[in-house]
Amino acid sequence: MNQGDIILFPIQQADGKLKPRPVLLLKQLPGHGDWLGCGISTQLHEFIQGFDLILDLSHTDFKASGLKLPGVIRLGFLSSIPSQKILGAIGNLSDPTVKELLKNLSNYLLKEK
């Protein structure tokens, strides 16, 4: 797997069942090869301006993403993803798009209260 890959990962739903959902691999974490990933949702109303990213048909990375529908890459939905639990890659995002997301995340984390 590589930074920028969009993978399928089993995420627990409200009903307790696990369902494969798309997740963007942001950065490999030090140590055991796990990844920092963020969820991708079709609930576009959850988009947070200046933080998340809308990936729709007009975005240059949409076709390569492997997504079937427009989605919001939700930086507030972070998770540590064990490499051995990744179900497979469906697509990827370009380096500039991933860097934009990482910059949004780091700017938020470093922002003073």
PDB file of N, CA and C in Angstrom:
ATOM      1  N   MET A   1       0.836  -1.180   0.000  1.00  0.00           N
ATOM      2  CA  MET A   1       0.000   0.000   0.000  1.00  0.00           C
ATOM      3  C   MET A   1       0.886   1.250   0.000  1.00  0.00           C
ATOM      4  N   ASN A   2       0.312   2.336  -0.507  1.00  0.00           N
ATOM      5  CA  ASN A   2       1.059   3.579  -0.611  1.00  0.00           C
ATOM      6  C   ASN A   2       0.231   4.757  -0.101  1.00  0.00           C
ATOM      7  N   GLN A   3       0.942   5.806   0.307  1.00  0.00           N
ATOM      8  CA  GLN A   3       0.276   7.043   0.680  1.00  0.00           C
ATOM      9  C   GLN A   3      -0.587   7.505  -0.486  1.00  0.00           C
ATOM     10  N   GLY A   4      -1.825   7.882  -0.197  1.00  0.00           N
ATOM     11  CA  GLY A   4      -2.728   8.337  -1.241  1.00  0.00           C
ATOM     12  C   GLY A   4      -3.640   7.253  -1.782  1.00  0.00           C
ATOM     13  N   ASP A   5      -3.379   5.992  -1.409  1.00  0.00           N
ATOM     14  CA  ASP A   5      -4.273   4.922  -1.844  1.00  0.00           C
ATOM     15  C   ASP A   5      -5.615   5.051  -1.142  1.00  0.00           C
ATOM     16  N   ILE A   6      -6.662   4.742  -1.871  1.00  0.00           N
ATOM     17  CA  ILE A   6      -7.989   4.614  -1.274  1.00  0.00           C
ATOM     18  C   ILE A   6      -8.249   3.117  -1.184  1.00  0.00           C
ATOM     19  N   ILE A   7      -8.480   2.674   0.042  1.00  0.00           N
ATOM     20  CA  ILE A   7      -8.616   1.248   0.313  1.00  0.00           C
ATOM     21  C   ILE A   7     -10.012   0.969   0.876  1.00  0.00           C
ATOM     22  N   LEU A   8     -10.336  -0.296   0.950  1.00  0.00           N
ATOM     23  CA  LEU A   8     -11.542  -0.706   1.650  1.00  0.00           C
ATOM     24  C   LEU A   8     -11.123  -1.242   3.008  1.00  0.00           C
ATOM     25  N   PHE A   9     -11.844  -0.819   4.043  1.00  0.00           N
ATOM     26  CA  PHE A   9     -11.513  -1.213   5.409  1.00  0.00           C
ATOM     27  C   PHE A   9     -12.811  -1.452   6.165  1.00  0.00           C
ATOM     28  N   PRO A  10     -12.910  -2.559   6.906  1.00  0.00           N
ATOM     29  CA  PRO A  10     -14.148  -2.822   7.640  1.00  0.00           C
ATOM     30  C   PRO A  10     -14.321  -1.840   8.813  1.00  0.00           C
ATOM     31  N   ILE A  11     -15.403  -1.078   8.758  1.00  0.00           N
ATOM     32  CA  ILE A  11     -15.712  -0.095   9.801  1.00  0.00           C
ATOM     33  C   ILE A  11     -17.031  -0.490  10.447  1.00  0.00           C
ATOM     34  N   GLN A  12     -17.059  -0.407  11.773  1.00  0.00           N
ATOM     35  CA  GLN A  12     -18.275  -0.759  12.490  1.00  0.00           C
ATOM     36  C   GLN A  12     -19.349   0.302  12.271  1.00  0.00           C
ATOM     37  N   GLN A  13     -20.532  -0.156  11.886  1.00  0.00           N
ATOM     38  CA  GLN A  13     -21.674   0.714  11.637  1.00  0.00           C
ATOM     39  C   GLN A  13     -22.467   0.903  12.931  1.00  0.00           C
ATOM     40  N   ALA A  14     -23.437   1.781  12.907  1.00  0.00           N
ATOM     41  CA  ALA A  14     -24.270   2.054  14.081  1.00  0.00           C
ATOM     42  C   ALA A  14     -24.974   0.801  14.577  1.00  0.00           C
ATOM     43  N   ASP A  15     -25.295  -0.125  13.671  1.00  0.00           N
ATOM     44  CA  ASP A  15     -25.983  -1.356  14.071  1.00  0.00           C
ATOM     45  C   ASP A  15     -25.012  -2.424  14.591  1.00  0.00           C
ATOM     46  N   GLY A  16     -23.712  -2.093  14.663  1.00  0.00           N
ATOM     47  CA  GLY A  16     -22.705  -3.010  15.183  1.00  0.00           C
ATOM     48  C   GLY A  16     -22.065  -3.902  14.139  1.00  0.00           C
ATOM     49  N   LYS A  17     -22.611  -3.926  12.930  1.00  0.00           N
ATOM     50  CA  LYS A  17     -22.057  -4.759  11.866  1.00  0.00           C
ATOM     51  C   LYS A  17     -20.857  -4.067  11.222  1.00  0.00           C
ATOM     52  N   LEU A  18     -19.898  -4.884  10.781  1.00  0.00           N
ATOM     53  CA  LEU A  18     -18.747  -4.355  10.056  1.00  0.00           C
ATOM     54  C   LEU A  18     -19.090  -4.282   8.574  1.00  0.00           C
ATOM     55  N   LYS A  19     -18.720  -3.152   7.960  1.00  0.00           N
ATOM     56  CA  LYS A  19     -18.993  -2.966   6.542  1.00  0.00           C
ATOM     57  C   LYS A  19     -17.752  -2.367   5.886  1.00  0.00           C
ATOM     58  N   PRO A  20     -17.299  -2.922   4.761  1.00  0.00           N
ATOM     59  CA  PRO A  20     -16.142  -2.327   4.076  1.00  0.00           C
ATOM     60  C   PRO A  20     -16.484  -0.922   3.592  1.00  0.00           C
ATOM     61  N   ARG A  21     -15.672   0.042   3.996  1.00  0.00           N
ATOM     62  CA  ARG A  21     -15.886   1.436   3.632  1.00  0.00           C
ATOM     63  C   ARG A  21     -14.598   1.993   3.030  1.00  0.00           C
ATOM     64  N   PRO A  22     -14.692   2.999   2.148  1.00  0.00           N
ATOM     65  CA  PRO A  22     -13.470   3.596   1.587  1.00  0.00           C
ATOM     66  C   PRO A  22     -12.756   4.471   2.610  1.00  0.00           C
ATOM     67  N   VAL A  23     -11.450   4.324   2.633  1.00  0.00           N
ATOM     68  CA  VAL A  23     -10.584   5.075   3.545  1.00  0.00           C
ATOM     69  C   VAL A  23      -9.361   5.528   2.753  1.00  0.00           C
ATOM     70  N   LEU A  24      -8.964   6.775   2.944  1.00  0.00           N
ATOM     71  CA  LEU A  24      -7.753   7.304   2.319  1.00  0.00           C
ATOM     72  C   LEU A  24      -6.568   7.084   3.245  1.00  0.00           C
ATOM     73  N   LEU A  25      -5.499   6.480   2.723  1.00  0.00           N
ATOM     74  CA  LEU A  25      -4.267   6.316   3.502  1.00  0.00           C
ATOM     75  C   LEU A  25      -3.475   7.618   3.423  1.00  0.00           C
ATOM     76  N   LEU A  26      -3.381   8.314   4.567  1.00  0.00           N
ATOM     77  CA  LEU A  26      -2.702   9.608   4.616  1.00  0.00           C
ATOM     78  C   LEU A  26      -1.196   9.479   4.807  1.00  0.00           C
ATOM     79  N   LYS A  27      -0.784   8.620   5.737  1.00  0.00           N
ATOM     80  CA  LYS A  27       0.639   8.519   6.074  1.00  0.00           C
ATOM     81  C   LYS A  27       0.879   7.209   6.808  1.00  0.00           C
ATOM     82  N   GLN A  28       1.976   6.536   6.468  1.00  0.00           N
ATOM     83  CA  GLN A  28       2.324   5.328   7.213  1.00  0.00           C
ATOM     84  C   GLN A  28       2.907   5.742   8.560  1.00  0.00           C
ATOM     85  N   LEU A  29       2.441   5.096   9.612  1.00  0.00           N
ATOM     86  CA  LEU A  29       2.879   5.430  10.961  1.00  0.00           C
ATOM     87  C   LEU A  29       4.177   4.696  11.289  1.00  0.00           C
ATOM     88  N   PRO A  30       5.011   5.299  12.143  1.00  0.00           N
ATOM     89  CA  PRO A  30       6.270   4.643  12.496  1.00  0.00           C
ATOM     90  C   PRO A  30       6.021   3.400  13.355  1.00  0.00           C
ATOM     91  N   GLY A  31       6.901   2.444  13.229  1.00  0.00           N
ATOM     92  CA  GLY A  31       6.817   1.272  14.096  1.00  0.00           C
ATOM     93  C   GLY A  31       6.417   0.008  13.388  1.00  0.00           C
ATOM     94  N   HIS A  32       5.124  -0.248  13.291  1.00  0.00           N
ATOM     95  CA  HIS A  32       4.654  -1.560  12.853  1.00  0.00           C
ATOM     96  C   HIS A  32       4.027  -1.572  11.462  1.00  0.00           C
ATOM     97  N   GLY A  33       4.124  -0.475  10.727  1.00  0.00           N
ATOM     98  CA  GLY A  33       3.601  -0.448   9.369  1.00  0.00           C
ATOM     99  C   GLY A  33       2.136  -0.091   9.256  1.00  0.00           C
ATOM    100  N   ASP A  34       1.502   0.290  10.380  1.00  0.00           N
ATOM    101  CA  ASP A  34       0.109   0.719  10.307  1.00  0.00           C
ATOM    102  C   ASP A  34       0.016   2.065   9.599  1.00  0.00           C
ATOM    103  N   TRP A  35      -1.200   2.438   9.217  1.00  0.00           N
ATOM    104  CA  TRP A  35      -1.436   3.665   8.473  1.00  0.00           C
ATOM    105  C   TRP A  35      -2.372   4.594   9.223  1.00  0.00           C
ATOM    106  N   LEU A  36      -2.180   5.890   9.055  1.00  0.00           N
ATOM    107  CA  LEU A  36      -3.162   6.879   9.482  1.00  0.00           C
ATOM    108  C   LEU A  36      -4.093   7.052   8.294  1.00  0.00           C
ATOM    109  N   GLY A  37      -5.352   6.758   8.506  1.00  0.00           N
ATOM    110  CA  GLY A  37      -6.320   6.854   7.431  1.00  0.00           C
ATOM    111  C   GLY A  37      -7.487   7.734   7.823  1.00  0.00           C
ATOM    112  N   CYS A  38      -8.195   8.235   6.823  1.00  0.00           N
ATOM    113  CA  CYS A  38      -9.406   9.018   7.109  1.00  0.00           C
ATOM    114  C   CYS A  38     -10.535   8.510   6.227  1.00  0.00           C
ATOM    115  N   GLY A  39     -11.720   8.521   6.809  1.00  0.00           N
ATOM    116  CA  GLY A  39     -12.892   8.009   6.139  1.00  0.00           C
ATOM    117  C   GLY A  39     -13.368   8.908   5.009  1.00  0.00           C
ATOM    118  N   ILE A  40     -14.041   8.299   4.066  1.00  0.00           N
ATOM    119  CA  ILE A  40     -14.650   9.006   2.944  1.00  0.00           C
ATOM    120  C   ILE A  40     -16.141   8.711   2.999  1.00  0.00           C
ATOM    121  N   SER A  41     -16.932   9.757   2.983  1.00  0.00           N
ATOM    122  CA  SER A  41     -18.379   9.619   3.129  1.00  0.00           C
ATOM    123  C   SER A  41     -19.105  10.237   1.939  1.00  0.00           C
ATOM    124  N   THR A  42     -20.229   9.649   1.579  1.00  0.00           N
ATOM    125  CA  THR A  42     -21.075  10.247   0.541  1.00  0.00           C
ATOM    126  C   THR A  42     -21.989  11.324   1.126  1.00  0.00           C
ATOM    127  N   GLN A  43     -21.934  11.514   2.434  1.00  0.00           N
ATOM    128  CA  GLN A  43     -22.748  12.531   3.107  1.00  0.00           C
ATOM    129  C   GLN A  43     -22.071  13.895   2.949  1.00  0.00           C
ATOM    130  N   LEU A  44     -22.261  14.515   1.799  1.00  0.00           N
ATOM    131  CA  LEU A  44     -21.560  15.757   1.461  1.00  0.00           C
ATOM    132  C   LEU A  44     -21.885  16.895   2.430  1.00  0.00           C
ATOM    133  N   HIS A  45     -23.018  16.818   3.124  1.00  0.00           N
ATOM    134  CA  HIS A  45     -23.378  17.870   4.076  1.00  0.00           C
ATOM    135  C   HIS A  45     -22.443  17.868   5.298  1.00  0.00           C
ATOM    136  N   GLU A  46     -21.630  16.820   5.472  1.00  0.00           N
ATOM    137  CA  GLU A  46     -20.682  16.756   6.583  1.00  0.00           C
ATOM    138  C   GLU A  46     -19.374  17.503   6.290  1.00  0.00           C
ATOM    139  N   PHE A  47     -19.234  18.037   5.091  1.00  0.00           N
ATOM    140  CA  PHE A  47     -18.034  18.764   4.662  1.00  0.00           C
ATOM    141  C   PHE A  47     -17.763  19.966   5.568  1.00  0.00           C
ATOM    142  N   ILE A  48     -16.498  20.106   5.994  1.00  0.00           N
ATOM    143  CA  ILE A  48     -16.063  21.254   6.790  1.00  0.00           C
ATOM    144  C   ILE A  48     -15.099  22.069   5.936  1.00  0.00           C
ATOM    145  N   GLN A  49     -15.529  23.264   5.585  1.00  0.00           N
ATOM    146  CA  GLN A  49     -14.749  24.179   4.742  1.00  0.00           C
ATOM    147  C   GLN A  49     -13.371  24.441   5.344  1.00  0.00           C
ATOM    148  N   GLY A  50     -12.329  24.389   4.513  1.00  0.00           N
ATOM    149  CA  GLY A  50     -10.968  24.667   4.968  1.00  0.00           C
ATOM    150  C   GLY A  50     -10.316  23.512   5.702  1.00  0.00           C
ATOM    151  N   PHE A  51     -11.020  22.385   5.825  1.00  0.00           N
ATOM    152  CA  PHE A  51     -10.491  21.232   6.555  1.00  0.00           C
ATOM    153  C   PHE A  51     -10.625  19.977   5.685  1.00  0.00           C
ATOM    154  N   ASP A  52     -11.846  19.600   5.357  1.00  0.00           N
ATOM    155  CA  ASP A  52     -12.111  18.420   4.540  1.00  0.00           C
ATOM    156  C   ASP A  52     -11.933  18.737   3.054  1.00  0.00           C
ATOM    157  N   LEU A  53     -12.160  17.724   2.233  1.00  0.00           N
ATOM    158  CA  LEU A  53     -12.060  17.893   0.786  1.00  0.00           C
ATOM    159  C   LEU A  53     -13.230  17.176   0.116  1.00  0.00           C
ATOM    160  N   ILE A  54     -13.897  17.884  -0.778  1.00  0.00           N
ATOM    161  CA  ILE A  54     -14.954  17.269  -1.580  1.00  0.00           C
ATOM    162  C   ILE A  54     -14.309  16.668  -2.826  1.00  0.00           C
ATOM    163  N   LEU A  55     -14.594  15.414  -3.056  1.00  0.00           N
ATOM    164  CA  LEU A  55     -14.101  14.719  -4.241  1.00  0.00           C
ATOM    165  C   LEU A  55     -15.320  14.405  -5.102  1.00  0.00           C
ATOM    166  N   ASP A  56     -15.566  15.281  -6.082  1.00  0.00           N
ATOM    167  CA  ASP A  56     -16.723  15.094  -6.954  1.00  0.00           C
ATOM    168  C   ASP A  56     -16.256  14.941  -8.398  1.00  0.00           C
ATOM    169  N   LEU A  57     -17.208  14.841  -9.295  1.00  0.00           N
ATOM    170  CA  LEU A  57     -16.883  14.579 -10.705  1.00  0.00           C
ATOM    171  C   LEU A  57     -15.979  15.645 -11.316  1.00  0.00           C
ATOM    172  N   SER A  58     -15.998  16.868 -10.769  1.00  0.00           N
ATOM    173  CA  SER A  58     -15.172  17.938 -11.320  1.00  0.00           C
ATOM    174  C   SER A  58     -13.737  17.917 -10.790  1.00  0.00           C
ATOM    175  N   HIS A  59     -13.465  17.144  -9.753  1.00  0.00           N
ATOM    176  CA  HIS A  59     -12.113  17.084  -9.177  1.00  0.00           C
ATOM    177  C   HIS A  59     -11.218  16.242 -10.087  1.00  0.00           C
ATOM    178  N   THR A  60     -10.002  16.715 -10.315  1.00  0.00           N
ATOM    179  CA  THR A  60      -9.084  16.024 -11.230  1.00  0.00           C
ATOM    180  C   THR A  60      -8.735  14.603 -10.779  1.00  0.00           C
ATOM    181  N   ASP A  61      -8.874  14.300  -9.487  1.00  0.00           N
ATOM    182  CA  ASP A  61      -8.537  12.972  -8.969  1.00  0.00           C
ATOM    183  C   ASP A  61      -9.732  12.025  -8.895  1.00  0.00           C
ATOM    184  N   PHE A  62     -10.928  12.506  -9.243  1.00  0.00           N
ATOM    185  CA  PHE A  62     -12.115  11.666  -9.031  1.00  0.00           C
ATOM    186  C   PHE A  62     -12.017  10.342  -9.786  1.00  0.00           C
ATOM    187  N   LYS A  63     -11.670  10.372 -11.046  1.00  0.00           N
ATOM    188  CA  LYS A  63     -11.631   9.148 -11.855  1.00  0.00           C
ATOM    189  C   LYS A  63     -10.645   8.129 -11.279  1.00  0.00           C
ATOM    190  N   ALA A  64      -9.449   8.586 -10.874  1.00  0.00           N
ATOM    191  CA  ALA A  64      -8.428   7.683 -10.340  1.00  0.00           C
ATOM    192  C   ALA A  64      -8.755   7.193  -8.930  1.00  0.00           C
ATOM    193  N   SER A  65      -9.701   7.861  -8.253  1.00  0.00           N
ATOM    194  CA  SER A  65     -10.029   7.504  -6.871  1.00  0.00           C
ATOM    195  C   SER A  65     -10.691   6.140  -6.752  1.00  0.00           C
ATOM    196  N   GLY A  66     -11.368   5.717  -7.811  1.00  0.00           N
ATOM    197  CA  GLY A  66     -12.092   4.459  -7.751  1.00  0.00           C
ATOM    198  C   GLY A  66     -13.448   4.569  -7.080  1.00  0.00           C
ATOM    199  N   LEU A  67     -13.804   5.765  -6.639  1.00  0.00           N
ATOM    200  CA  LEU A  67     -15.109   5.961  -6.001  1.00  0.00           C
ATOM    201  C   LEU A  67     -16.202   5.965  -7.051  1.00  0.00           C
ATOM    202  N   LYS A  68     -17.344   5.437  -6.690  1.00  0.00           N
ATOM    203  CA  LYS A  68     -18.477   5.393  -7.616  1.00  0.00           C
ATOM    204  C   LYS A  68     -19.326   6.652  -7.523  1.00  0.00           C
ATOM    205  N   LEU A  69     -19.300   7.278  -6.345  1.00  0.00           N
ATOM    206  CA  LEU A  69     -20.105   8.474  -6.084  1.00  0.00           C
ATOM    207  C   LEU A  69     -19.232   9.575  -5.525  1.00  0.00           C
ATOM    208  N   PRO A  70     -19.629  10.832  -5.675  1.00  0.00           N
ATOM    209  CA  PRO A  70     -18.907  11.919  -5.012  1.00  0.00           C
ATOM    210  C   PRO A  70     -18.869  11.679  -3.502  1.00  0.00           C
ATOM    211  N   GLY A  71     -17.808  12.152  -2.885  1.00  0.00           N
ATOM    212  CA  GLY A  71     -17.659  11.959  -1.447  1.00  0.00           C
ATOM    213  C   GLY A  71     -16.886  13.087  -0.809  1.00  0.00           C
ATOM    214  N   VAL A  72     -16.938  13.103   0.512  1.00  0.00           N
ATOM    215  CA  VAL A  72     -16.149  14.061   1.278  1.00  0.00           C
ATOM    216  C   VAL A  72     -15.079  13.279   2.034  1.00  0.00           C
ATOM    217  N   ILE A  73     -13.836  13.714   1.881  1.00  0.00           N
ATOM    218  CA  ILE A  73     -12.731  13.114   2.632  1.00  0.00           C
ATOM    219  C   ILE A  73     -12.727  13.824   3.976  1.00  0.00           C
ATOM    220  N   ARG A  74     -13.072  13.090   5.018  1.00  0.00           N
ATOM    221  CA  ARG A  74     -13.319  13.653   6.347  1.00  0.00           C
ATOM    222  C   ARG A  74     -12.089  13.514   7.246  1.00  0.00           C
ATOM    223  N   LEU A  75     -11.342  14.605   7.385  1.00  0.00           N
ATOM    224  CA  LEU A  75     -10.151  14.586   8.234  1.00  0.00           C
ATOM    225  C   LEU A  75     -10.496  14.418   9.713  1.00  0.00           C
ATOM    226  N   GLY A  76     -11.741  14.668  10.081  1.00  0.00           N
ATOM    227  CA  GLY A  76     -12.173  14.455  11.458  1.00  0.00           C
ATOM    228  C   GLY A  76     -12.524  13.006  11.748  1.00  0.00           C
ATOM    229  N   PHE A  77     -12.429  12.142  10.748  1.00  0.00           N
ATOM    230  CA  PHE A  77     -12.746  10.725  10.892  1.00  0.00           C
ATOM    231  C   PHE A  77     -11.466   9.926  10.669  1.00  0.00           C
ATOM    232  N   LEU A  78     -10.512  10.093  11.604  1.00  0.00           N
ATOM    233  CA  LEU A  78      -9.199   9.459  11.500  1.00  0.00           C
ATOM    234  C   LEU A  78      -9.179   8.124  12.225  1.00  0.00           C
ATOM    235  N   SER A  79      -8.327   7.246  11.741  1.00  0.00           N
ATOM    236  CA  SER A  79      -8.178   5.939  12.365  1.00  0.00           C
ATOM    237  C   SER A  79      -6.795   5.387  12.048  1.00  0.00           C
ATOM    238  N   SER A  80      -6.301   4.563  12.953  1.00  0.00           N
ATOM    239  CA  SER A  80      -5.087   3.799  12.691  1.00  0.00           C
ATOM    240  C   SER A  80      -5.523   2.508  12.002  1.00  0.00           C
ATOM    241  N   ILE A  81      -4.968   2.262  10.824  1.00  0.00           N
ATOM    242  CA  ILE A  81      -5.375   1.131   9.994  1.00  0.00           C
ATOM    243  C   ILE A  81      -4.252   0.091   9.970  1.00  0.00           C
ATOM    244  N   PRO A  82      -4.471  -1.080  10.583  1.00  0.00           N
ATOM    245  CA  PRO A  82      -3.456  -2.136  10.507  1.00  0.00           C
ATOM    246  C   PRO A  82      -3.328  -2.639   9.069  1.00  0.00           C
ATOM    247  N   SER A  83      -2.117  -2.708   8.574  1.00  0.00           N
ATOM    248  CA  SER A  83      -1.871  -3.130   7.185  1.00  0.00           C
ATOM    249  C   SER A  83      -2.526  -4.467   6.860  1.00  0.00           C
ATOM    250  N   GLN A  84      -2.476  -5.404   7.798  1.00  0.00           N
ATOM    251  CA  GLN A  84      -3.001  -6.747   7.521  1.00  0.00           C
ATOM    252  C   GLN A  84      -4.523  -6.791   7.442  1.00  0.00           C
ATOM    253  N   LYS A  85      -5.212  -5.713   7.827  1.00  0.00           N
ATOM    254  CA  LYS A  85      -6.680  -5.700   7.755  1.00  0.00           C
ATOM    255  C   LYS A  85      -7.207  -4.938   6.537  1.00  0.00           C
ATOM    256  N   ILE A  86      -6.309  -4.454   5.702  1.00  0.00           N
ATOM    257  CA  ILE A  86      -6.732  -3.739   4.498  1.00  0.00           C
ATOM    258  C   ILE A  86      -7.266  -4.753   3.490  1.00  0.00           C
ATOM    259  N   LEU A  87      -8.468  -4.492   2.990  1.00  0.00           N
ATOM    260  CA  LEU A  87      -9.128  -5.429   2.094  1.00  0.00           C
ATOM    261  C   LEU A  87      -8.731  -5.257   0.631  1.00  0.00           C
ATOM    262  N   GLY A  88      -8.024  -4.172   0.313  1.00  0.00           N
ATOM    263  CA  GLY A  88      -7.582  -3.949  -1.058  1.00  0.00           C
ATOM    264  C   GLY A  88      -7.744  -2.501  -1.447  1.00  0.00           C
ATOM    265  N   ALA A  89      -6.970  -2.081  -2.421  1.00  0.00           N
ATOM    266  CA  ALA A  89      -7.037  -0.707  -2.917  1.00  0.00           C
ATOM    267  C   ALA A  89      -8.047  -0.630  -4.052  1.00  0.00           C
ATOM    268  N   ILE A  90      -8.806   0.475  -4.070  1.00  0.00           N
ATOM    269  CA  ILE A  90      -9.758   0.685  -5.166  1.00  0.00           C
ATOM    270  C   ILE A  90      -9.323   1.831  -6.075  1.00  0.00           C
ATOM    271  N   GLY A  91      -8.368   2.635  -5.601  1.00  0.00           N
ATOM    272  CA  GLY A  91      -7.892   3.768  -6.383  1.00  0.00           C
ATOM    273  C   GLY A  91      -6.880   4.557  -5.576  1.00  0.00           C
ATOM    274  N   ASN A  92      -6.609   5.781  -6.040  1.00  0.00           N
ATOM    275  CA  ASN A  92      -5.656   6.623  -5.314  1.00  0.00           C
ATOM    276  C   ASN A  92      -5.887   8.096  -5.636  1.00  0.00           C
ATOM    277  N   LEU A  93      -5.254   8.940  -4.825  1.00  0.00           N
ATOM    278  CA  LEU A  93      -5.266  10.383  -5.038  1.00  0.00           C
ATOM    279  C   LEU A  93      -3.853  10.835  -5.355  1.00  0.00           C
ATOM    280  N   SER A  94      -3.742  11.942  -6.073  1.00  0.00           N
ATOM    281  CA  SER A  94      -2.431  12.481  -6.451  1.00  0.00           C
ATOM    282  C   SER A  94      -1.698  13.030  -5.222  1.00  0.00           C
ATOM    283  N   ASP A  95      -0.374  13.123  -5.350  1.00  0.00           N
ATOM    284  CA  ASP A  95       0.436  13.678  -4.265  1.00  0.00           C
ATOM    285  C   ASP A  95      -0.003  15.088  -3.867  1.00  0.00           C
ATOM    286  N   PRO A  96      -0.280  15.998  -4.813  1.00  0.00           N
ATOM    287  CA  PRO A  96      -0.716  17.339  -4.398  1.00  0.00           C
ATOM    288  C   PRO A  96      -2.017  17.332  -3.585  1.00  0.00           C
ATOM    289  N   THR A  97      -2.940  16.447  -3.907  1.00  0.00           N
ATOM    290  CA  THR A  97      -4.191  16.374  -3.157  1.00  0.00           C
ATOM    291  C   THR A  97      -3.939  15.852  -1.749  1.00  0.00           C
ATOM    292  N   VAL A  98      -3.114  14.819  -1.624  1.00  0.00           N
ATOM    293  CA  VAL A  98      -2.791  14.271  -0.303  1.00  0.00           C
ATOM    294  C   VAL A  98      -2.050  15.321   0.525  1.00  0.00           C
ATOM    295  N   LYS A  99      -1.118  16.039  -0.096  1.00  0.00           N
ATOM    296  CA  LYS A  99      -0.380  17.081   0.628  1.00  0.00           C
ATOM    297  C   LYS A  99      -1.307  18.201   1.092  1.00  0.00           C
ATOM    298  N   GLU A 100      -2.301  18.551   0.280  1.00  0.00           N
ATOM    299  CA  GLU A 100      -3.280  19.558   0.687  1.00  0.00           C
ATOM    300  C   GLU A 100      -4.029  19.095   1.944  1.00  0.00           C
ATOM    301  N   LEU A 101      -4.428  17.842   1.963  1.00  0.00           N
ATOM    302  CA  LEU A 101      -5.128  17.304   3.131  1.00  0.00           C
ATOM    303  C   LEU A 101      -4.224  17.263   4.360  1.00  0.00           C
ATOM    304  N   LEU A 102      -2.985  16.809   4.179  1.00  0.00           N
ATOM    305  CA  LEU A 102      -2.042  16.776   5.305  1.00  0.00           C
ATOM    306  C   LEU A 102      -1.778  18.185   5.839  1.00  0.00           C
ATOM    307  N   LYS A 103      -1.692  19.154   4.941  1.00  0.00           N
ATOM    308  CA  LYS A 103      -1.488  20.540   5.363  1.00  0.00           C
ATOM    309  C   LYS A 103      -2.695  21.039   6.144  1.00  0.00           C
ATOM    310  N   ASN A 104      -3.903  20.748   5.675  1.00  0.00           N
ATOM    311  CA  ASN A 104      -5.109  21.142   6.410  1.00  0.00           C
ATOM    312  C   ASN A 104      -5.112  20.540   7.814  1.00  0.00           C
ATOM    313  N   LEU A 105      -4.755  19.256   7.903  1.00  0.00           N
ATOM    314  CA  LEU A 105      -4.734  18.580   9.192  1.00  0.00           C
ATOM    315  C   LEU A 105      -3.669  19.168  10.110  1.00  0.00           C
ATOM    316  N   SER A 106      -2.458  19.356   9.586  1.00  0.00           N
ATOM    317  CA  SER A 106      -1.381  19.886  10.439  1.00  0.00           C
ATOM    318  C   SER A 106      -1.657  21.322  10.854  1.00  0.00           C
ATOM    319  N   ASN A 107      -2.221  22.134   9.954  1.00  0.00           N
ATOM    320  CA  ASN A 107      -2.577  23.516  10.326  1.00  0.00           C
ATOM    321  C   ASN A 107      -3.581  23.526  11.461  1.00  0.00           C
ATOM    322  N   TYR A 108      -4.559  22.632  11.394  1.00  0.00           N
ATOM    323  CA  TYR A 108      -5.551  22.569  12.455  1.00  0.00           C
ATOM    324  C   TYR A 108      -4.918  22.126  13.776  1.00  0.00           C
ATOM    325  N   LEU A 109      -4.064  21.087  13.722  1.00  0.00           N
ATOM    326  CA  LEU A 109      -3.443  20.578  14.943  1.00  0.00           C
ATOM    327  C   LEU A 109      -2.501  21.584  15.588  1.00  0.00           C
ATOM    328  N   LEU A 110      -1.873  22.424  14.786  1.00  0.00           N
ATOM    329  CA  LEU A 110      -0.924  23.398  15.318  1.00  0.00           C
ATOM    330  C   LEU A 110      -1.553  24.744  15.661  1.00  0.00           C
ATOM    331  N   LYS A 111      -2.839  24.908  15.333  1.00  0.00           N
ATOM    332  CA  LYS A 111      -3.527  26.180  15.555  1.00  0.00           C
ATOM    333  C   LYS A 111      -3.693  26.422  17.055  1.00  0.00           C
ATOM    334  N   GLU A 112      -3.415  27.643  17.452  1.00  0.00           N
ATOM    335  CA  GLU A 112      -3.632  28.044  18.846  1.00  0.00           C
ATOM    336  C   GLU A 112      -5.126  28.104  19.112  1.00  0.00           C
ATOM    337  N   LYS A 113      -5.501  27.901  20.336  1.00  0.00           N
ATOM    338  CA  LYS A 113      -6.931  27.956  20.697  1.00  0.00           C
ATOM    339  C   LYS A 113      -7.532  29.313  20.456  1.00  0.00           C
TER     340      LYS A 113
END
